[in-house]
C-alpha cells in the first residue's frame, strides 16, 4: 500500500509522546522518594529505556509481534528487525515506526515496576531483572493481546494497554515488593516525599504523553483517535477530582493526591479509550480515582511497602478499566459492544483476560524475583540503604 504521510507523521509524534512517559515516571517517582535516592529513581527509568531499546530490536519485538506460536508467543521471524520494513506496510505506515511505538510502551511498563523497589534495589540485579522480565512476562502478554495470541482470539479488547501495560506492571510491582521486602524504617518513621513539585512535573509529563499513548493506539488519524484523545483527558480530570474529594473527606486535598487520581483515571480509560463515549469516560475515571485511593489506603493499612503505589494505581486501575471496557464498549463508536448492550461474551473475554494476565504477571514476577534474590541478591546492604542509592550506586548527589 502507498505510504500515508499523515498517519506516519501522527505515529512518529505519538511515539515521541510515549517515549517522554518513561522519564516522566522517573520524575514522578523521584519526587516521591527521599532526597538521597532521587537520582537513583530517575536513573532507573533511563536504564530501562536503554535496555528495552536494545532488547526490543534484538528479539523482543519478534516475540511480541511475530507470527503466533500456539497462542502463547511470537516466533523469531523479526529477530534483529529482519523483515521490519521502513516502507509502507499494510497499515499505510512503516512497520519500523510501529516497532518503535511499541518499544516505548514496553519501556514505560517496566519503568512503572520500579515503584516496588524504590530506595533499595541493587542496580546490577535490576538490569538482569529487566531483561528477564521483558522476555518472560511482557513479551508473552503483549503477544496474547496485540500479537494474535489466545486473548485476542478469545475476544479480549484492549485499546491501548489496560492488560498489557497496566495490569502487568501493577501486579508485577506487588510481587516484586513482596520479594524484596520493606525499606529500612518503613512503618517506624516518616519516609516522606522530598520534592512534591518534581513529582507534579513528572505527572504532567505523563498526562501529556498519555495522549500519544491512547490516541496513537488508533494507528490512524480517524474518529477512534479523536475519541481516545477526548476520553483520555476526561477520565484524567474525573479521576483527579474523585481522588481529591475523597482525600479531602479524610483530611486535606493534597496536590499529590490530585495527580495520583489523574493518573488513575488515565490508567482506567487506557483499555477503553477508543471504545466508549466521553460521558462514560467520566464514570470510568471517577470510579478509578475512588478505587485506587481506597487501594492505597488498604496497602498502607496492611503495611505492604509497594513503595510508590504502582499496584494501587496501575494494577487495580487497569483491572477496573479492562472490566469496564467489557461493560461499556459501544458498537456505534467502535464496532464492539459490551455487557450493557447485551454482549455477555465481550464482558467474559475481558474479565478472563484481565485475571489471567494478573495471575501470570504476579506469579512469574515473584518467581523471577526469588531466583535473582537468591543468586545475585536484589537489594543493597543495610549500610548502603542508609547512605542512599545516589551515593552508593551512582556516586552522585542530587
Protein backbone atom coordinates (compact mmCIF):
# COMPACT_ATOMS: atom_id res chain seq x y z
CA UNK A 1 0.00 0.00 0.00
CA UNK A 2 1.03 3.60 -0.54
CA UNK A 3 2.60 5.49 2.34
CA UNK A 4 0.13 7.77 4.14
CA UNK A 5 2.27 10.68 5.30
CA UNK A 6 -0.41 11.97 7.68
CA UNK A 7 -0.72 8.67 9.52
CA UNK A 8 3.04 8.20 9.52
CA UNK A 9 3.58 11.65 10.99
CA UNK A 10 0.95 11.02 13.69
CA UNK A 11 2.60 7.75 14.69
CA UNK A 12 6.01 9.45 14.86
CA UNK A 13 4.58 12.15 17.13
CA UNK A 14 2.72 9.58 19.24
CA UNK A 15 5.88 7.50 19.67
CA UNK A 16 7.76 10.61 20.85
CA UNK A 17 4.98 11.37 23.35
CA UNK A 18 5.05 7.82 24.72
CA UNK A 19 8.85 7.94 24.97
CA UNK A 20 8.51 11.01 27.20
CA UNK A 21 6.43 8.99 29.65
CA UNK A 22 9.41 6.88 30.78
CA UNK A 23 11.43 9.83 32.16
CA UNK A 24 8.05 11.17 33.32
CA UNK A 25 7.72 8.10 35.53
CA UNK A 26 11.27 8.74 36.73
CA UNK A 27 10.49 12.30 37.79
CA UNK A 28 7.16 11.32 39.35
CA UNK A 29 8.76 8.57 41.39
CA UNK A 30 11.92 10.61 42.03
CA UNK A 31 9.95 13.33 43.74
CA UNK A 32 8.23 10.78 45.96
CA UNK A 33 11.36 9.26 47.47
CA UNK A 34 13.86 10.75 49.91
CA UNK A 35 16.50 13.12 48.57
CA UNK A 36 19.30 10.56 48.94
CA UNK A 37 17.56 8.32 46.37
CA UNK A 38 16.37 10.96 43.92
CA UNK A 39 18.96 10.37 41.20
CA UNK A 40 18.55 6.62 41.54
CA UNK A 41 14.85 6.68 40.73
CA UNK A 42 15.29 8.85 37.65
CA UNK A 43 18.32 6.81 36.56
CA UNK A 44 16.31 3.58 36.73
CA UNK A 45 13.94 4.97 34.10
CA UNK A 46 16.82 5.83 31.78
CA UNK A 47 18.36 2.39 32.37
CA UNK A 48 15.00 0.86 31.44
CA UNK A 49 14.74 2.95 28.27
CA UNK A 50 18.21 1.90 27.19
CA UNK A 51 17.78 -1.80 27.95
CA UNK A 52 14.40 -2.04 26.24
CA UNK A 53 15.73 -0.21 23.17
CA UNK A 54 18.30 -2.96 22.63
CA UNK A 55 16.26 -5.99 23.75
CA UNK A 56 13.27 -4.99 21.63
CA UNK A 57 15.36 -4.76 18.46
CA UNK A 58 17.29 -7.97 19.09
CA UNK A 59 14.30 -10.24 19.80
CA UNK A 60 11.64 -8.61 22.00
CA UNK A 61 9.58 -7.20 19.14
CA UNK A 62 9.61 -10.54 17.37
CA UNK A 63 8.46 -12.40 20.49
CA UNK A 64 5.58 -9.96 20.91
CA UNK A 65 4.53 -9.43 17.29
CA UNK A 66 5.99 -12.34 15.33
CA UNK A 67 3.68 -14.95 13.86
CA UNK A 68 1.78 -16.79 16.58
CA UNK A 69 3.06 -20.00 18.15
CA UNK A 70 0.27 -21.81 19.97
CA UNK A 71 -1.44 -18.59 21.05
CA UNK A 72 1.36 -18.00 23.56
CA UNK A 73 4.32 -16.26 21.93
CA UNK A 74 5.56 -14.92 18.61
CA UNK A 75 8.22 -16.63 16.55
CA UNK A 76 11.66 -15.16 15.82
CA UNK A 77 10.99 -14.07 12.25
CA UNK A 78 11.73 -10.42 13.15
CA UNK A 79 14.91 -11.13 15.12
CA UNK A 80 17.29 -8.20 14.71
CA UNK A 81 14.41 -6.44 12.92
CA UNK A 82 14.77 -8.79 9.97
CA UNK A 83 11.89 -8.03 7.60
CA UNK A 84 10.67 -4.97 9.53
CA UNK A 85 10.44 -2.50 6.70
CA UNK A 86 10.83 1.27 6.62
CA UNK A 87 8.46 1.33 3.64
CA UNK A 88 4.67 1.41 3.87
CA UNK A 89 3.11 -1.75 5.25
CA UNK A 90 -0.48 -2.99 5.34
CA UNK A 91 -1.41 -0.10 7.64
CA UNK A 92 -0.08 2.58 5.21
CA UNK A 93 2.72 3.41 7.68
CA UNK A 94 6.19 1.87 8.03
CA UNK A 95 6.27 -1.19 10.32
CA UNK A 96 9.57 0.21 11.61
CA UNK A 97 7.68 3.12 13.20
CA UNK A 98 5.13 0.75 14.75
CA UNK A 99 8.05 -1.17 16.21
CA UNK A 100 9.37 1.99 17.88
CA UNK A 101 5.89 2.94 19.11
CA UNK A 102 5.59 -0.44 20.81
CA UNK A 103 9.17 -0.25 22.12
CA UNK A 104 8.24 2.80 24.16
CA UNK A 105 5.16 1.01 25.51
CA UNK A 106 7.42 -1.75 26.81
CA UNK A 107 9.76 0.85 28.30
CA UNK A 108 7.13 2.71 30.31
CA UNK A 109 5.65 -0.59 31.54
CA UNK A 110 8.83 -1.76 33.23
CA UNK A 111 9.54 1.79 34.44
CA UNK A 112 6.28 1.63 36.40
CA UNK A 113 7.50 -1.55 38.12
CA UNK A 114 10.38 0.41 39.71
CA UNK A 115 7.78 1.60 42.22
CA UNK A 116 8.24 -1.74 44.00
CA UNK A 117 11.98 -1.43 44.58
CA UNK A 118 12.38 2.28 45.33
CA UNK A 119 15.32 3.16 47.59
CA UNK A 120 16.65 -0.39 47.96
CA UNK A 121 17.38 -2.10 44.62
CA UNK A 122 20.87 -3.13 43.53
CA UNK A 123 21.48 -1.75 40.03
CA UNK A 124 23.17 -4.88 38.65
CA UNK A 125 20.30 -7.08 39.84
CA UNK A 126 17.79 -4.63 38.42
CA UNK A 127 19.40 -4.85 34.98
CA UNK A 128 19.12 -8.64 34.99
CA UNK A 129 15.52 -8.42 36.24
CA UNK A 130 14.52 -6.03 33.45
CA UNK A 131 15.90 -8.24 30.68
CA UNK A 132 14.34 -11.42 32.07
CA UNK A 133 11.01 -9.77 32.89
CA UNK A 134 10.65 -8.25 29.43
CA UNK A 135 11.30 -11.61 27.81
CA UNK A 136 9.28 -13.84 30.13
CA UNK A 137 6.42 -11.58 31.20
CA UNK A 138 5.90 -8.54 28.97
CA UNK A 139 6.52 -10.05 25.52
CA UNK A 140 4.14 -13.00 26.02
CA UNK A 141 1.36 -10.79 27.42
CA UNK A 142 1.78 -8.29 24.58
CA UNK A 143 1.53 -11.17 22.13
CA UNK A 144 -1.59 -12.58 23.81
CA UNK A 145 -3.43 -9.27 23.45
CA UNK A 146 -1.95 -7.45 20.44
CA UNK A 147 0.11 -10.03 18.55
CA UNK A 148 -2.62 -12.52 17.68
CA UNK A 149 -2.35 -14.69 20.80
CA UNK A 150 -5.01 -16.54 22.76
CA UNK A 151 -6.53 -13.46 24.45
CA UNK A 152 -7.28 -11.67 21.20
CA UNK A 153 -8.54 -14.94 19.69
CA UNK A 154 -10.87 -15.33 22.68
CA UNK A 155 -12.21 -11.82 22.09
CA UNK A 156 -10.43 -9.56 24.60
CA UNK A 157 -10.35 -5.93 23.52
CA UNK A 158 -7.72 -3.59 24.91
CA UNK A 159 -7.37 -0.31 23.05
CA UNK A 160 -4.05 0.89 24.47
CA UNK A 161 -2.80 -1.41 27.22
CA UNK A 162 -5.08 -1.93 30.22
CA UNK A 163 -3.86 -5.51 30.43
CA UNK A 164 -0.51 -5.35 28.64
CA UNK A 165 0.79 -2.26 30.42
CA UNK A 166 -1.31 -1.51 33.50
CA UNK A 167 -2.33 -4.86 35.00
CA UNK A 168 1.01 -6.36 34.02
CA UNK A 169 3.09 -3.60 35.65
CA UNK A 170 0.90 -3.12 38.72
CA UNK A 171 0.70 -6.74 39.80
CA UNK A 172 4.33 -7.34 38.89
CA UNK A 173 5.22 -4.45 41.19
CA UNK A 174 3.24 -6.03 44.02
CA UNK A 175 5.01 -9.37 43.56
CA UNK A 176 8.45 -7.79 43.41
CA UNK A 177 7.76 -5.70 46.52
CA UNK A 178 6.89 -8.87 48.44
CA UNK A 179 10.15 -10.48 47.35
CA UNK A 180 12.50 -7.57 48.05
CA UNK A 181 10.92 -6.65 51.39
CA UNK A 182 10.19 -3.38 53.13
CA UNK A 183 12.50 -0.40 53.20
CA UNK A 184 14.51 0.06 56.37
CA UNK A 185 12.39 2.15 58.74
CA UNK A 186 9.11 1.54 56.95
CA UNK A 187 6.33 1.89 59.49
CA UNK A 188 8.78 3.14 62.12
CA UNK A 189 9.43 6.68 60.96
CA UNK A 190 8.37 9.01 58.19
CA UNK A 191 9.53 8.31 54.63
CA UNK A 192 8.00 11.47 53.18
CA UNK A 193 8.50 12.65 49.58
CA UNK A 194 11.43 15.04 49.31
CA UNK A 195 10.18 17.15 46.37
CA UNK A 196 6.48 17.23 45.55
CA UNK A 197 6.86 19.85 42.76
CA UNK A 198 9.16 17.44 40.88
CA UNK A 199 6.56 14.69 41.32
CA UNK A 200 3.90 17.05 39.92
CA UNK A 201 6.16 17.77 36.95
CA UNK A 202 6.50 14.03 36.35
CA UNK A 203 2.72 13.63 36.49
CA UNK A 204 2.33 16.47 33.99
CA UNK A 205 4.72 14.70 31.60
CA UNK A 206 2.67 11.53 32.00
CA UNK A 207 -0.61 13.35 31.30
CA UNK A 208 0.96 14.97 28.22
CA UNK A 209 2.46 11.72 26.95
CA UNK A 210 -0.74 9.76 27.53
CA UNK A 211 -2.37 11.45 24.54
CA UNK A 212 0.11 9.67 22.29
CA UNK A 213 -0.23 6.51 24.36
CA UNK A 214 -4.01 6.28 23.87
CA UNK A 215 -4.87 8.31 20.77
CA UNK A 216 -1.81 7.00 18.96
CA UNK A 217 -3.04 3.45 19.54
CA UNK A 218 -5.71 4.04 16.90
CA UNK A 219 -2.79 3.69 14.45
CA UNK A 220 -4.61 6.11 12.18
CA UNK A 221 -5.85 9.67 12.02
CA UNK A 222 -9.54 8.88 12.41
CA UNK A 223 -12.56 9.02 14.70
CA UNK A 224 -11.08 6.43 17.09
CA UNK A 225 -8.04 8.65 17.63
CA UNK A 226 -10.30 11.64 18.25
CA UNK A 227 -12.46 9.73 20.73
CA UNK A 228 -9.40 8.37 22.54
CA UNK A 229 -7.90 11.86 22.73
CA UNK A 230 -11.01 13.27 24.40
CA UNK A 231 -11.74 10.33 26.71
CA UNK A 232 -8.14 10.31 27.96
CA UNK A 233 -8.32 13.90 29.16
CA UNK A 234 -11.85 13.45 30.50
CA UNK A 235 -11.03 10.38 32.59
CA UNK A 236 -7.88 12.06 33.93
CA UNK A 237 -9.90 15.05 35.10
CA UNK A 238 -12.61 12.88 36.66
CA UNK A 239 -10.02 10.74 38.45
CA UNK A 240 -8.21 13.80 39.79
CA UNK A 241 -11.41 15.28 41.20
CA UNK A 242 -12.63 11.99 42.68
CA UNK A 243 -9.32 11.35 44.48
CA UNK A 244 -9.15 14.98 45.63
CA UNK A 245 -12.61 14.96 47.17
CA UNK A 246 -12.06 11.52 48.74
CA UNK A 247 -8.82 12.66 50.38
CA UNK A 248 -10.46 15.95 51.39
CA UNK A 249 -13.14 13.95 53.21
CA UNK A 250 -10.40 12.23 55.21
CA UNK A 251 -8.27 15.32 55.78
CA UNK A 252 -6.82 17.77 53.28
CA UNK A 253 -6.92 17.71 49.46
CA UNK A 254 -3.26 17.21 48.60
CA UNK A 255 -1.80 18.15 45.24
CA UNK A 256 -0.11 14.74 45.12
CA UNK A 257 -3.49 13.09 45.58
CA UNK A 258 -4.92 15.08 42.69
CA UNK A 259 -2.25 13.99 40.22
CA UNK A 260 -2.39 10.41 41.51
CA UNK A 261 -6.12 10.47 40.77
CA UNK A 262 -5.45 11.84 37.29
CA UNK A 263 -3.03 9.01 36.61
CA UNK A 264 -5.57 6.51 37.96
CA UNK A 265 -8.18 7.92 35.60
CA UNK A 266 -5.87 7.62 32.61
CA UNK A 267 -4.88 4.10 33.60
CA UNK A 268 -8.52 3.02 33.74
CA UNK A 269 -9.50 4.64 30.44
CA UNK A 270 -6.50 3.18 28.59
CA UNK A 271 -8.15 -0.13 27.57
CA UNK A 272 -11.43 1.66 26.75
CA UNK A 273 -10.11 4.87 25.21
CA UNK A 274 -11.47 4.42 21.69
CA UNK A 275 -14.42 2.26 22.67
CA UNK A 276 -16.51 4.50 24.96
CA UNK A 277 -18.02 7.99 24.98
CA UNK A 278 -16.69 10.96 26.97
CA UNK A 279 -19.63 10.64 29.38
CA UNK A 280 -18.69 7.05 30.15
CA UNK A 281 -15.08 8.21 30.49
CA UNK A 282 -16.19 10.45 33.38
CA UNK A 283 -17.69 7.43 35.13
CA UNK A 284 -14.66 5.20 34.49
CA UNK A 285 -12.24 7.91 35.64
CA UNK A 286 -14.20 8.82 38.77
CA UNK A 287 -14.56 5.19 39.87
CA UNK A 288 -10.83 4.71 39.24
CA UNK A 289 -9.99 7.69 41.44
CA UNK A 290 -12.06 6.36 44.33
CA UNK A 291 -11.00 2.73 43.85
CA UNK A 292 -7.27 3.44 43.59
CA UNK A 293 -7.38 5.79 46.57
CA UNK A 294 -9.06 3.04 48.60
CA UNK A 295 -6.47 0.50 47.46
CA UNK A 296 -3.67 2.83 48.51
CA UNK A 297 -5.21 3.11 51.98
CA UNK A 298 -5.55 -0.68 52.11
CA UNK A 299 -1.90 -1.14 51.18
CA UNK A 300 -0.83 1.23 53.94
CA UNK A 301 -3.11 -0.50 56.45
CA UNK A 302 -1.62 -3.89 55.54
CA UNK A 303 1.90 -2.46 55.95
CA UNK A 304 2.88 -3.51 52.43
CA UNK A 305 5.80 -1.44 51.15
CA UNK A 306 4.93 -1.40 47.46
CA UNK A 307 6.51 1.95 47.81
CA UNK A 308 5.02 4.27 45.20
CA UNK A 309 1.64 2.59 44.62
CA UNK A 310 2.02 1.05 41.17
CA UNK A 311 -0.25 -1.77 42.36
CA UNK A 312 -2.96 0.50 43.74
CA UNK A 313 -2.97 2.86 40.76
CA UNK A 314 -1.84 0.85 37.74
CA UNK A 315 -2.74 -2.68 38.81
CA UNK A 316 -6.17 -2.03 40.26
CA UNK A 317 -6.92 0.85 37.90
CA UNK A 318 -6.03 -1.34 34.93
CA UNK A 319 -8.14 -4.20 36.28
CA UNK A 320 -11.15 -1.92 36.66
CA UNK A 321 -10.60 -0.33 33.25
CA UNK A 322 -10.34 -3.65 31.42
CA UNK A 323 -13.52 -4.94 33.04
CA UNK A 324 -15.25 -1.60 32.38
CA UNK A 325 -14.29 -1.90 28.70
CA UNK A 326 -16.18 -5.19 28.59
CA UNK A 327 -19.17 -3.48 30.16
CA UNK A 328 -19.36 -0.14 28.34
CA UNK A 329 -17.88 -0.69 24.86
CA UNK A 330 -20.29 0.96 22.40
CA UNK A 331 -20.85 -0.61 18.98
CA UNK A 332 -21.79 2.74 17.47
CA UNK A 333 -18.33 4.07 18.27
CA UNK A 334 -16.06 1.12 17.61
CA UNK A 335 -17.96 -1.90 16.35
CA UNK A 336 -17.57 -3.70 19.68
CA UNK A 337 -20.50 -3.96 22.07
CA UNK A 338 -20.16 -4.55 25.79
CA UNK A 339 -22.31 -6.07 28.51
CA UNK A 340 -24.52 -3.01 28.73
CA UNK A 341 -25.52 -3.60 25.09
CA UNK A 342 -26.15 -7.29 25.74
CA UNK A 343 -22.79 -8.77 24.70
CA UNK A 344 -22.02 -11.17 27.54
CA UNK A 345 -19.12 -12.77 25.69
CA UNK A 346 -17.26 -9.47 25.44
CA UNK A 347 -17.57 -8.96 29.17
CA UNK A 348 -16.46 -12.54 29.83
CA UNK A 349 -13.48 -12.25 27.48
CA UNK A 350 -12.25 -9.09 29.17
CA UNK A 351 -12.73 -10.47 32.68
CA UNK A 352 -10.92 -13.71 31.83
CA UNK A 353 -8.12 -11.87 30.01
CA UNK A 354 -7.68 -9.44 32.89
CA UNK A 355 -7.48 -12.10 35.59
CA UNK A 356 -5.21 -14.44 33.63
CA UNK A 357 -2.84 -11.53 32.98
CA UNK A 358 -2.98 -10.55 36.64
CA UNK A 359 -2.13 -14.07 37.85
CA UNK A 360 0.55 -14.68 35.22
CA UNK A 361 2.32 -11.36 35.82
CA UNK A 362 2.23 -11.77 39.60
CA UNK A 363 3.40 -15.38 39.69
CA UNK A 364 6.12 -15.07 37.06
CA UNK A 365 7.49 -11.85 38.57
CA UNK A 366 7.54 -13.43 42.01
CA UNK A 367 9.49 -16.42 40.64
CA UNK A 368 11.94 -14.21 38.73
CA UNK A 369 12.45 -12.04 41.80
CA UNK A 370 13.10 -15.04 44.06
CA UNK A 371 15.65 -16.53 41.65
CA UNK A 372 17.57 -13.27 41.27
CA UNK A 373 17.40 -12.58 45.01
CA UNK A 374 18.84 -16.00 45.86
CA UNK A 375 21.58 -15.84 43.26
CA UNK A 376 22.64 -12.18 42.98
CA UNK A 377 20.73 -10.51 45.78
CA UNK A 378 18.07 -7.94 44.89
CA UNK A 379 18.71 -5.25 47.45
CA UNK A 380 21.65 -3.20 48.60
CA UNK A 381 23.22 -3.70 52.02
CA UNK A 382 21.78 -2.07 55.12
CA UNK A 383 24.63 0.45 55.22
CA UNK A 384 24.16 1.33 51.54
CA UNK A 385 20.45 1.80 52.07
CA UNK A 386 21.20 4.11 54.99
CA UNK A 387 23.64 6.19 52.90
CA UNK A 388 21.28 6.26 49.93
CA UNK A 389 21.41 4.82 46.44
CA UNK A 390 22.52 8.08 44.81
CA UNK A 391 25.91 7.80 46.52
CA UNK A 392 26.37 4.03 46.78
CA UNK A 393 25.09 3.12 43.31
CA UNK A 394 25.91 6.20 41.22
CA UNK A 395 28.45 8.24 43.19
CA UNK A 396 26.35 11.39 42.76
CA UNK A 397 24.26 13.78 44.83
CA UNK A 398 21.04 15.43 43.71
